[in-house]
């Protein structure tokens, strides 16, 4: 199962997509699993380079669309 997000950075307003690449035999670290987002793995805005996920609440405030697939 995969999860992708369309995010709008609250710092600079940039909009971008974020998703995990397949691990090709190695299990990737979970960044977004439904309601939970890993805060130990830093997600940065590609425009301003500020951190998007310092907390679950701050990450959720910036999500515009969530896509999930099997």
C-alpha atoms as a PDB file:
ATOM      1  CA  UNK A   1       0.000   0.000   0.000  1.00  0.00           C
ATOM      2  CA  UNK A   2       1.250   3.466  -0.802  1.00  0.00           C
ATOM      3  CA  UNK A   3       0.344   6.950   0.306  1.00  0.00           C
ATOM      4  CA  UNK A   4       0.979  10.221  -1.476  1.00  0.00           C
ATOM      5  CA  UNK A   5       0.169  13.738  -0.341  1.00  0.00           C
ATOM      6  CA  UNK A   6      -0.361  17.065  -2.058  1.00  0.00           C
ATOM      7  CA  UNK A   7       1.086  19.540   0.452  1.00  0.00           C
ATOM      8  CA  UNK A   8       1.043  23.338   0.643  1.00  0.00           C
ATOM      9  CA  UNK A   9       3.902  24.644   2.778  1.00  0.00           C
ATOM     10  CA  UNK A  10       2.622  26.976   5.483  1.00  0.00           C
ATOM     11  CA  UNK A  11       5.951  28.822   5.514  1.00  0.00           C
ATOM     12  CA  UNK A  12       6.275  29.858   1.848  1.00  0.00           C
ATOM     13  CA  UNK A  13       3.033  28.677   0.202  1.00  0.00           C
ATOM     14  CA  UNK A  14       4.730  26.287  -2.249  1.00  0.00           C
ATOM     15  CA  UNK A  15       2.600  23.334  -3.329  1.00  0.00           C
ATOM     16  CA  UNK A  16       4.246  19.937  -3.956  1.00  0.00           C
ATOM     17  CA  UNK A  17       3.597  16.199  -3.976  1.00  0.00           C
ATOM     18  CA  UNK A  18       5.237  13.857  -1.476  1.00  0.00           C
ATOM     19  CA  UNK A  19       5.310  10.042  -1.612  1.00  0.00           C
ATOM     20  CA  UNK A  20       7.559   7.132  -0.738  1.00  0.00           C
ATOM     21  CA  UNK A  21       9.573   5.321  -3.394  1.00  0.00           C
ATOM     22  CA  UNK A  22       9.327   1.504  -3.324  1.00  0.00           C
ATOM     23  CA  UNK A  23      12.049  -0.191  -1.297  1.00  0.00           C
ATOM     24  CA  UNK A  24      12.893  -2.859  -3.925  1.00  0.00           C
ATOM     25  CA  UNK A  25      13.133  -5.679  -1.419  1.00  0.00           C
ATOM     26  CA  UNK A  26      13.983  -3.480   1.558  1.00  0.00           C
ATOM     27  CA  UNK A  27      11.072  -2.225   3.591  1.00  0.00           C
ATOM     28  CA  UNK A  28      11.006   1.590   3.384  1.00  0.00           C
ATOM     29  CA  UNK A  29      10.563   3.685   6.513  1.00  0.00           C
ATOM     30  CA  UNK A  30       6.912   4.623   6.943  1.00  0.00           C
ATOM     31  CA  UNK A  31       6.390   8.325   6.267  1.00  0.00           C
ATOM     32  CA  UNK A  32       2.619   8.322   5.926  1.00  0.00           C
ATOM     33  CA  UNK A  33       0.407   5.415   6.965  1.00  0.00           C
ATOM     34  CA  UNK A  34      -3.145   6.669   6.953  1.00  0.00           C
ATOM     35  CA  UNK A  35      -3.597   8.708  10.105  1.00  0.00           C
ATOM     36  CA  UNK A  36       0.016   8.502  11.286  1.00  0.00           C
ATOM     37  CA  UNK A  37       3.027  10.367   9.870  1.00  0.00           C
ATOM     38  CA  UNK A  38       6.558   9.544  10.977  1.00  0.00           C
ATOM     39  CA  UNK A  39       8.089  12.641  12.571  1.00  0.00           C
ATOM     40  CA  UNK A  40      11.584  11.158  12.974  1.00  0.00           C
ATOM     41  CA  UNK A  41      12.102  11.223   9.181  1.00  0.00           C
ATOM     42  CA  UNK A  42      12.362  14.845   8.075  1.00  0.00           C
ATOM     43  CA  UNK A  43      10.185  15.985   5.173  1.00  0.00           C
ATOM     44  CA  UNK A  44      11.342  19.331   3.764  1.00  0.00           C
ATOM     45  CA  UNK A  45       9.657  21.807   1.457  1.00  0.00           C
ATOM     46  CA  UNK A  46      11.550  21.799  -1.870  1.00  0.00           C
ATOM     47  CA  UNK A  47      11.182  25.600  -2.184  1.00  0.00           C
ATOM     48  CA  UNK A  48      12.142  26.987   1.255  1.00  0.00           C
ATOM     49  CA  UNK A  49      13.724  23.804   2.742  1.00  0.00           C
ATOM     50  CA  UNK A  50      11.804  24.186   6.018  1.00  0.00           C
ATOM     51  CA  UNK A  51      10.615  21.090   7.840  1.00  0.00           C
ATOM     52  CA  UNK A  52       7.022  20.061   7.062  1.00  0.00           C
ATOM     53  CA  UNK A  53       6.560  17.378   9.745  1.00  0.00           C
ATOM     54  CA  UNK A  54       7.894  18.499  13.143  1.00  0.00           C
ATOM     55  CA  UNK A  55       4.624  17.180  14.614  1.00  0.00           C
ATOM     56  CA  UNK A  56       1.601  15.201  13.437  1.00  0.00           C
ATOM     57  CA  UNK A  57      -0.658  18.240  13.895  1.00  0.00           C
ATOM     58  CA  UNK A  58       1.550  20.590  11.870  1.00  0.00           C
ATOM     59  CA  UNK A  59       1.826  18.042   9.044  1.00  0.00           C
ATOM     60  CA  UNK A  60      -1.971  17.580   8.933  1.00  0.00           C
ATOM     61  CA  UNK A  61      -2.507  21.363   8.683  1.00  0.00           C
ATOM     62  CA  UNK A  62      -0.510  21.457   5.429  1.00  0.00           C
ATOM     63  CA  UNK A  63      -2.104  18.496   3.597  1.00  0.00           C
ATOM     64  CA  UNK A  64      -4.465  19.458   0.785  1.00  0.00           C
ATOM     65  CA  UNK A  65      -5.095  15.990  -0.741  1.00  0.00           C
ATOM     66  CA  UNK A  66      -4.222  12.425   0.295  1.00  0.00           C
ATOM     67  CA  UNK A  67      -3.966   9.554  -2.228  1.00  0.00           C
ATOM     68  CA  UNK A  68      -3.808   5.908  -1.172  1.00  0.00           C
ATOM     69  CA  UNK A  69      -3.430   2.765  -3.279  1.00  0.00           C
ATOM     70  CA  UNK A  70      -2.888  -0.956  -2.780  1.00  0.00           C
END
